[in-house]
């Protein structure tokens, strides 16, 4: 009986530690303040007045606030293509898939590059 209880307890500890590691990977890399990072996902909200995008990470529920300014480079690119098109902020809409490169600062990703991903049909 004690051996079975010990086995169940060990299994529960292992399961909890593994689930914590999985959820920790989904959180934004805000601990890496000042370092360049990459965030990929779908735009769920855009606010041109505040110069922000809220992007939900692909395959998860984690969201990041992306701040852009006049120095942010905007491009679009079809999957698998080498051709990159320059665009402006008005061409990125809610629901679009984007890849953002930038620097974390106080929970906000300051974008240096925002790449809108195009499907083959667009």
N, C-alpha and C. Protein backbone atom coordinates (compact mmCIF):
# COMPACT_ATOMS: atom_id res chain seq x y z
N UNK A 1 0.83 -1.20 0.00
CA UNK A 1 0.00 0.00 0.00
C UNK A 1 0.87 1.25 0.00
N UNK A 2 1.88 1.29 0.86
CA UNK A 2 2.78 2.45 0.93
C UNK A 2 3.56 2.61 -0.37
N UNK A 3 3.95 1.49 -0.96
CA UNK A 3 4.69 1.54 -2.23
C UNK A 3 3.80 2.11 -3.34
N UNK A 4 2.53 1.71 -3.41
CA UNK A 4 1.60 2.23 -4.41
C UNK A 4 1.36 3.73 -4.22
N UNK A 5 1.22 4.14 -2.97
CA UNK A 5 1.02 5.55 -2.66
C UNK A 5 2.24 6.37 -3.08
N UNK A 6 3.43 5.84 -2.81
CA UNK A 6 4.67 6.51 -3.20
C UNK A 6 4.77 6.63 -4.72
N UNK A 7 4.40 5.57 -5.45
CA UNK A 7 4.43 5.57 -6.91
C UNK A 7 3.48 6.62 -7.47
N UNK A 8 2.27 6.69 -6.92
CA UNK A 8 1.28 7.68 -7.38
C UNK A 8 1.78 9.10 -7.10
N UNK A 9 2.37 9.31 -5.95
CA UNK A 9 2.90 10.62 -5.60
C UNK A 9 4.02 11.03 -6.54
N UNK A 10 4.94 10.12 -6.83
CA UNK A 10 6.03 10.42 -7.77
C UNK A 10 5.50 10.73 -9.16
N UNK A 11 4.52 9.98 -9.62
CA UNK A 11 3.92 10.22 -10.93
C UNK A 11 3.26 11.60 -10.98
N UNK A 12 2.58 11.98 -9.91
CA UNK A 12 1.93 13.29 -9.85
C UNK A 12 2.96 14.42 -9.90
N UNK A 13 4.06 14.27 -9.19
CA UNK A 13 5.11 15.30 -9.18
C UNK A 13 5.72 15.44 -10.58
N UNK A 14 5.98 14.32 -11.23
CA UNK A 14 6.55 14.35 -12.58
C UNK A 14 5.57 14.99 -13.56
N UNK A 15 4.31 14.61 -13.50
CA UNK A 15 3.30 15.18 -14.40
C UNK A 15 3.17 16.68 -14.19
N UNK A 16 3.17 17.12 -12.94
CA UNK A 16 3.04 18.55 -12.65
C UNK A 16 4.25 19.32 -13.19
N UNK A 17 5.44 18.79 -13.00
CA UNK A 17 6.64 19.50 -13.47
C UNK A 17 6.67 19.58 -15.00
N UNK A 18 6.24 18.53 -15.68
CA UNK A 18 6.20 18.55 -17.14
C UNK A 18 5.16 19.54 -17.65
N UNK A 19 3.98 19.58 -17.03
CA UNK A 19 2.95 20.52 -17.47
C UNK A 19 3.36 21.95 -17.22
N UNK A 20 4.08 22.20 -16.14
CA UNK A 20 4.57 23.55 -15.86
C UNK A 20 5.57 23.97 -16.91
N UNK A 21 6.43 23.07 -17.33
CA UNK A 21 7.42 23.39 -18.36
C UNK A 21 6.75 23.71 -19.69
N UNK A 22 5.71 23.00 -20.05
CA UNK A 22 5.00 23.24 -21.30
C UNK A 22 4.33 24.61 -21.28
N UNK A 23 3.64 24.95 -20.19
CA UNK A 23 2.97 26.24 -20.11
C UNK A 23 3.97 27.39 -20.02
N UNK A 24 5.10 27.18 -19.43
CA UNK A 24 6.11 28.22 -19.33
C UNK A 24 6.67 28.58 -20.70
N UNK A 25 6.75 27.62 -21.61
CA UNK A 25 7.24 27.89 -22.96
C UNK A 25 6.27 28.76 -23.74
N UNK A 26 5.00 28.72 -23.39
CA UNK A 26 4.00 29.46 -24.14
C UNK A 26 3.98 30.94 -23.76
N UNK A 27 4.49 31.30 -22.61
CA UNK A 27 4.48 32.68 -22.15
C UNK A 27 5.46 33.51 -22.96
N UNK A 28 5.17 34.80 -23.14
CA UNK A 28 6.11 35.67 -23.86
C UNK A 28 7.48 35.70 -23.18
N UNK A 29 8.49 35.95 -23.98
CA UNK A 29 9.85 35.97 -23.47
C UNK A 29 10.18 37.30 -22.81
N UNK A 30 9.31 37.76 -21.94
CA UNK A 30 9.48 39.06 -21.32
C UNK A 30 10.67 39.11 -20.39
N UNK A 31 11.14 37.99 -19.92
CA UNK A 31 12.30 37.96 -19.03
C UNK A 31 13.57 38.37 -19.78
N UNK A 32 13.54 38.30 -21.10
CA UNK A 32 14.70 38.63 -21.91
C UNK A 32 14.67 40.10 -22.30
N UNK A 33 14.40 40.97 -21.36
CA UNK A 33 14.32 42.40 -21.62
C UNK A 33 15.61 42.89 -22.27
N UNK A 34 15.45 43.65 -23.35
CA UNK A 34 16.61 44.22 -24.03
C UNK A 34 17.22 43.34 -25.09
N UNK A 35 16.76 42.10 -25.24
CA UNK A 35 17.32 41.20 -26.25
C UNK A 35 16.35 41.07 -27.42
N UNK A 36 16.92 40.95 -28.61
CA UNK A 36 16.08 40.79 -29.79
C UNK A 36 15.41 39.43 -29.76
N UNK A 37 14.15 39.41 -30.14
CA UNK A 37 13.39 38.17 -30.15
C UNK A 37 12.48 38.12 -31.36
N UNK A 38 11.83 36.98 -31.54
CA UNK A 38 10.92 36.75 -32.66
C UNK A 38 9.59 36.28 -32.10
N UNK A 39 8.48 36.80 -32.63
CA UNK A 39 7.14 36.41 -32.21
C UNK A 39 6.32 36.17 -33.46
N UNK A 40 5.69 35.01 -33.56
CA UNK A 40 4.91 34.67 -34.74
C UNK A 40 3.50 34.32 -34.33
N UNK A 41 2.52 34.87 -35.04
CA UNK A 41 1.14 34.56 -34.72
C UNK A 41 0.17 35.34 -35.57
N UNK A 42 -1.09 35.37 -35.10
CA UNK A 42 -2.15 36.06 -35.81
C UNK A 42 -2.55 37.33 -35.06
N UNK A 43 -2.79 38.39 -35.82
CA UNK A 43 -3.21 39.66 -35.24
C UNK A 43 -4.64 39.49 -34.73
N UNK A 44 -4.87 39.76 -33.44
CA UNK A 44 -6.22 39.67 -32.89
C UNK A 44 -6.82 41.05 -32.67
N UNK A 45 -5.98 42.06 -32.48
CA UNK A 45 -6.44 43.44 -32.33
C UNK A 45 -5.39 44.38 -32.87
N UNK A 46 -5.83 45.43 -33.51
CA UNK A 46 -4.89 46.45 -33.95
C UNK A 46 -5.40 47.81 -33.49
N UNK A 47 -4.48 48.66 -33.10
CA UNK A 47 -4.83 50.00 -32.65
C UNK A 47 -3.87 50.99 -33.31
N UNK A 48 -4.26 51.51 -34.48
CA UNK A 48 -3.39 52.48 -35.17
C UNK A 48 -3.16 53.75 -34.34
N UNK A 49 -4.14 54.14 -33.53
CA UNK A 49 -3.99 55.34 -32.70
C UNK A 49 -2.88 55.18 -31.67
N UNK A 50 -2.75 53.96 -31.12
CA UNK A 50 -1.71 53.69 -30.12
C UNK A 50 -0.48 53.03 -30.74
N UNK A 51 -0.51 52.79 -32.03
CA UNK A 51 0.59 52.12 -32.75
C UNK A 51 0.91 50.77 -32.13
N UNK A 52 -0.12 49.96 -31.90
CA UNK A 52 0.08 48.63 -31.34
C UNK A 52 -0.70 47.57 -32.10
N UNK A 53 -0.19 46.36 -32.02
CA UNK A 53 -0.88 45.16 -32.50
C UNK A 53 -0.88 44.18 -31.33
N UNK A 54 -1.95 43.42 -31.17
CA UNK A 54 -1.96 42.31 -30.23
C UNK A 54 -1.91 41.05 -31.07
N UNK A 55 -0.89 40.23 -30.84
CA UNK A 55 -0.65 39.05 -31.67
C UNK A 55 -0.70 37.82 -30.79
N UNK A 56 -1.59 36.86 -31.17
CA UNK A 56 -1.70 35.58 -30.47
C UNK A 56 -0.76 34.59 -31.11
N UNK A 57 0.09 33.99 -30.29
CA UNK A 57 1.10 33.05 -30.77
C UNK A 57 0.43 31.86 -31.46
N UNK A 58 1.04 31.40 -32.55
CA UNK A 58 0.51 30.26 -33.28
C UNK A 58 0.46 29.02 -32.40
N UNK A 59 -0.65 28.32 -32.45
CA UNK A 59 -0.79 27.07 -31.72
C UNK A 59 -0.94 27.23 -30.22
N UNK A 60 -1.24 28.43 -29.75
CA UNK A 60 -1.37 28.64 -28.32
C UNK A 60 -2.34 29.75 -27.98
N UNK A 61 -2.34 30.13 -26.73
CA UNK A 61 -3.23 31.20 -26.28
C UNK A 61 -2.47 32.43 -25.81
N UNK A 62 -1.14 32.35 -25.78
CA UNK A 62 -0.33 33.48 -25.33
C UNK A 62 -0.44 34.63 -26.33
N UNK A 63 -0.60 35.84 -25.80
CA UNK A 63 -0.68 37.03 -26.63
C UNK A 63 0.42 38.00 -26.23
N UNK A 64 0.89 38.76 -27.21
CA UNK A 64 1.90 39.78 -26.96
C UNK A 64 1.44 41.09 -27.56
N UNK A 65 1.71 42.18 -26.86
CA UNK A 65 1.45 43.50 -27.38
C UNK A 65 2.68 43.95 -28.15
N UNK A 66 2.47 44.30 -29.41
CA UNK A 66 3.55 44.72 -30.28
C UNK A 66 3.43 46.22 -30.50
N UNK A 67 4.47 46.97 -30.18
CA UNK A 67 4.47 48.41 -30.40
C UNK A 67 5.32 48.71 -31.63
N UNK A 68 4.81 49.54 -32.53
CA UNK A 68 5.58 49.93 -33.70
C UNK A 68 5.66 51.45 -33.78
N UNK A 69 6.63 51.92 -34.52
CA UNK A 69 6.78 53.37 -34.72
C UNK A 69 7.30 53.61 -36.14
N UNK A 70 7.74 54.83 -36.40
CA UNK A 70 8.16 55.18 -37.76
C UNK A 70 9.42 54.43 -38.20
N UNK A 71 10.18 53.89 -37.25
CA UNK A 71 11.40 53.15 -37.63
C UNK A 71 11.13 51.67 -37.92
N UNK A 72 9.90 51.20 -37.66
CA UNK A 72 9.56 49.80 -37.92
C UNK A 72 9.49 49.55 -39.43
N UNK A 73 10.15 48.49 -39.87
CA UNK A 73 10.14 48.12 -41.28
C UNK A 73 9.00 47.12 -41.51
N UNK A 74 8.12 47.41 -42.45
CA UNK A 74 6.95 46.58 -42.76
C UNK A 74 7.17 45.91 -44.10
N UNK A 75 6.98 44.57 -44.14
CA UNK A 75 7.12 43.82 -45.39
C UNK A 75 6.02 42.76 -45.47
N UNK A 76 5.82 42.24 -46.68
CA UNK A 76 4.96 41.07 -46.86
C UNK A 76 5.73 40.07 -47.70
N UNK A 77 5.42 38.79 -47.46
CA UNK A 77 6.13 37.75 -48.19
C UNK A 77 5.26 36.52 -48.29
N UNK A 78 5.22 35.92 -49.47
CA UNK A 78 4.48 34.68 -49.68
C UNK A 78 5.31 33.53 -49.12
N UNK A 79 4.62 32.54 -48.56
CA UNK A 79 5.30 31.38 -47.99
C UNK A 79 6.19 30.71 -49.03
N UNK A 80 7.45 30.51 -48.68
CA UNK A 80 8.38 29.82 -49.56
C UNK A 80 8.99 30.69 -50.65
N UNK A 81 8.62 31.95 -50.71
CA UNK A 81 9.12 32.84 -51.76
C UNK A 81 10.30 33.65 -51.24
N UNK A 82 11.19 34.00 -52.14
CA UNK A 82 12.31 34.86 -51.78
C UNK A 82 11.95 36.34 -52.00
N UNK A 83 10.85 36.60 -52.70
CA UNK A 83 10.45 37.98 -53.01
C UNK A 83 9.80 38.61 -51.78
N UNK A 84 10.34 39.77 -51.37
CA UNK A 84 9.82 40.51 -50.22
C UNK A 84 9.30 41.85 -50.72
N UNK A 85 8.07 42.18 -50.32
CA UNK A 85 7.44 43.44 -50.74
C UNK A 85 7.38 44.41 -49.57
N UNK A 86 7.74 45.66 -49.80
CA UNK A 86 7.57 46.69 -48.77
C UNK A 86 6.10 47.08 -48.70
N UNK A 87 5.57 47.19 -47.49
CA UNK A 87 4.18 47.60 -47.27
C UNK A 87 4.17 48.65 -46.16
N UNK A 88 2.97 49.11 -45.78
CA UNK A 88 2.86 50.01 -44.64
C UNK A 88 1.88 49.41 -43.63
N UNK A 89 1.79 50.05 -42.47
CA UNK A 89 0.99 49.52 -41.37
C UNK A 89 -0.48 49.33 -41.72
N UNK A 90 -1.00 50.15 -42.62
CA UNK A 90 -2.42 50.05 -42.97
C UNK A 90 -2.76 48.76 -43.70
N UNK A 91 -1.78 48.04 -44.19
CA UNK A 91 -2.02 46.81 -44.94
C UNK A 91 -2.06 45.57 -44.05
N UNK A 92 -1.82 45.72 -42.76
CA UNK A 92 -1.92 44.60 -41.82
C UNK A 92 -3.23 44.74 -41.06
N UNK A 93 -4.09 43.73 -41.17
CA UNK A 93 -5.43 43.75 -40.58
C UNK A 93 -5.57 42.65 -39.53
N UNK A 94 -6.64 42.73 -38.73
CA UNK A 94 -6.96 41.69 -37.76
C UNK A 94 -7.12 40.36 -38.51
N UNK A 95 -6.55 39.31 -37.96
CA UNK A 95 -6.61 37.99 -38.57
C UNK A 95 -5.41 37.65 -39.42
N UNK A 96 -4.61 38.64 -39.80
CA UNK A 96 -3.42 38.38 -40.62
C UNK A 96 -2.36 37.65 -39.80
N UNK A 97 -1.61 36.80 -40.47
CA UNK A 97 -0.49 36.12 -39.83
C UNK A 97 0.75 36.98 -40.00
N UNK A 98 1.48 37.19 -38.91
CA UNK A 98 2.68 38.03 -38.96
C UNK A 98 3.84 37.38 -38.21
N UNK A 99 5.03 37.77 -38.60
CA UNK A 99 6.24 37.44 -37.86
C UNK A 99 6.85 38.77 -37.45
N UNK A 100 7.12 38.90 -36.16
CA UNK A 100 7.64 40.16 -35.63
C UNK A 100 9.02 39.93 -35.06
N UNK A 101 9.94 40.81 -35.38
CA UNK A 101 11.26 40.83 -34.74
C UNK A 101 11.36 42.15 -34.00
N UNK A 102 11.86 42.08 -32.77
CA UNK A 102 11.97 43.29 -31.99
C UNK A 102 12.63 43.05 -30.65
N UNK A 103 12.48 44.03 -29.77
CA UNK A 103 13.13 44.00 -28.47
C UNK A 103 12.07 44.16 -27.38
N UNK A 104 12.10 43.26 -26.37
CA UNK A 104 11.19 43.32 -25.23
C UNK A 104 11.60 44.45 -24.31
N UNK A 105 10.60 45.20 -23.84
CA UNK A 105 10.83 46.22 -22.83
C UNK A 105 9.56 46.40 -22.02
N UNK A 106 9.60 46.03 -20.76
CA UNK A 106 8.48 46.17 -19.83
C UNK A 106 7.21 45.50 -20.34
N UNK A 107 7.33 44.29 -20.85
CA UNK A 107 6.17 43.51 -21.27
C UNK A 107 5.63 43.85 -22.65
N UNK A 108 6.30 44.74 -23.37
CA UNK A 108 5.88 45.13 -24.71
C UNK A 108 7.01 44.84 -25.68
N UNK A 109 6.67 44.28 -26.82
CA UNK A 109 7.67 44.01 -27.85
C UNK A 109 7.72 45.21 -28.79
N UNK A 110 8.85 45.91 -28.81
CA UNK A 110 9.04 47.04 -29.71
C UNK A 110 9.57 46.50 -31.04
N UNK A 111 8.74 46.56 -32.07
CA UNK A 111 9.05 45.92 -33.34
C UNK A 111 10.06 46.70 -34.16
N UNK A 112 11.05 45.98 -34.68
CA UNK A 112 11.95 46.54 -35.67
C UNK A 112 11.56 46.09 -37.07
N UNK A 113 10.90 44.92 -37.14
CA UNK A 113 10.44 44.37 -38.42
C UNK A 113 9.12 43.64 -38.19
N UNK A 114 8.13 43.93 -39.05
CA UNK A 114 6.87 43.18 -39.04
C UNK A 114 6.66 42.65 -40.45
N UNK A 115 6.60 41.33 -40.56
CA UNK A 115 6.44 40.66 -41.84
C UNK A 115 5.06 40.01 -41.91
N UNK A 116 4.23 40.50 -42.83
CA UNK A 116 2.91 39.90 -43.06
C UNK A 116 3.11 38.70 -43.97
N UNK A 117 2.58 37.55 -43.55
CA UNK A 117 2.73 36.33 -44.33
C UNK A 117 1.54 36.19 -45.27
N UNK A 118 1.82 35.96 -46.52
CA UNK A 118 0.79 35.83 -47.55
C UNK A 118 0.60 34.37 -47.92
N UNK A 119 -0.64 33.99 -48.19
CA UNK A 119 -0.88 32.65 -48.73
C UNK A 119 -0.62 32.70 -50.23
N UNK A 120 -0.54 31.56 -50.85
CA UNK A 120 -0.25 31.50 -52.28
C UNK A 120 -1.36 32.14 -53.11
N UNK A 121 -2.58 32.22 -52.59
CA UNK A 121 -3.70 32.75 -53.35
C UNK A 121 -3.77 34.27 -53.34
N UNK A 122 -3.01 34.94 -52.46
CA UNK A 122 -3.10 36.39 -52.38
C UNK A 122 -2.19 37.08 -53.34
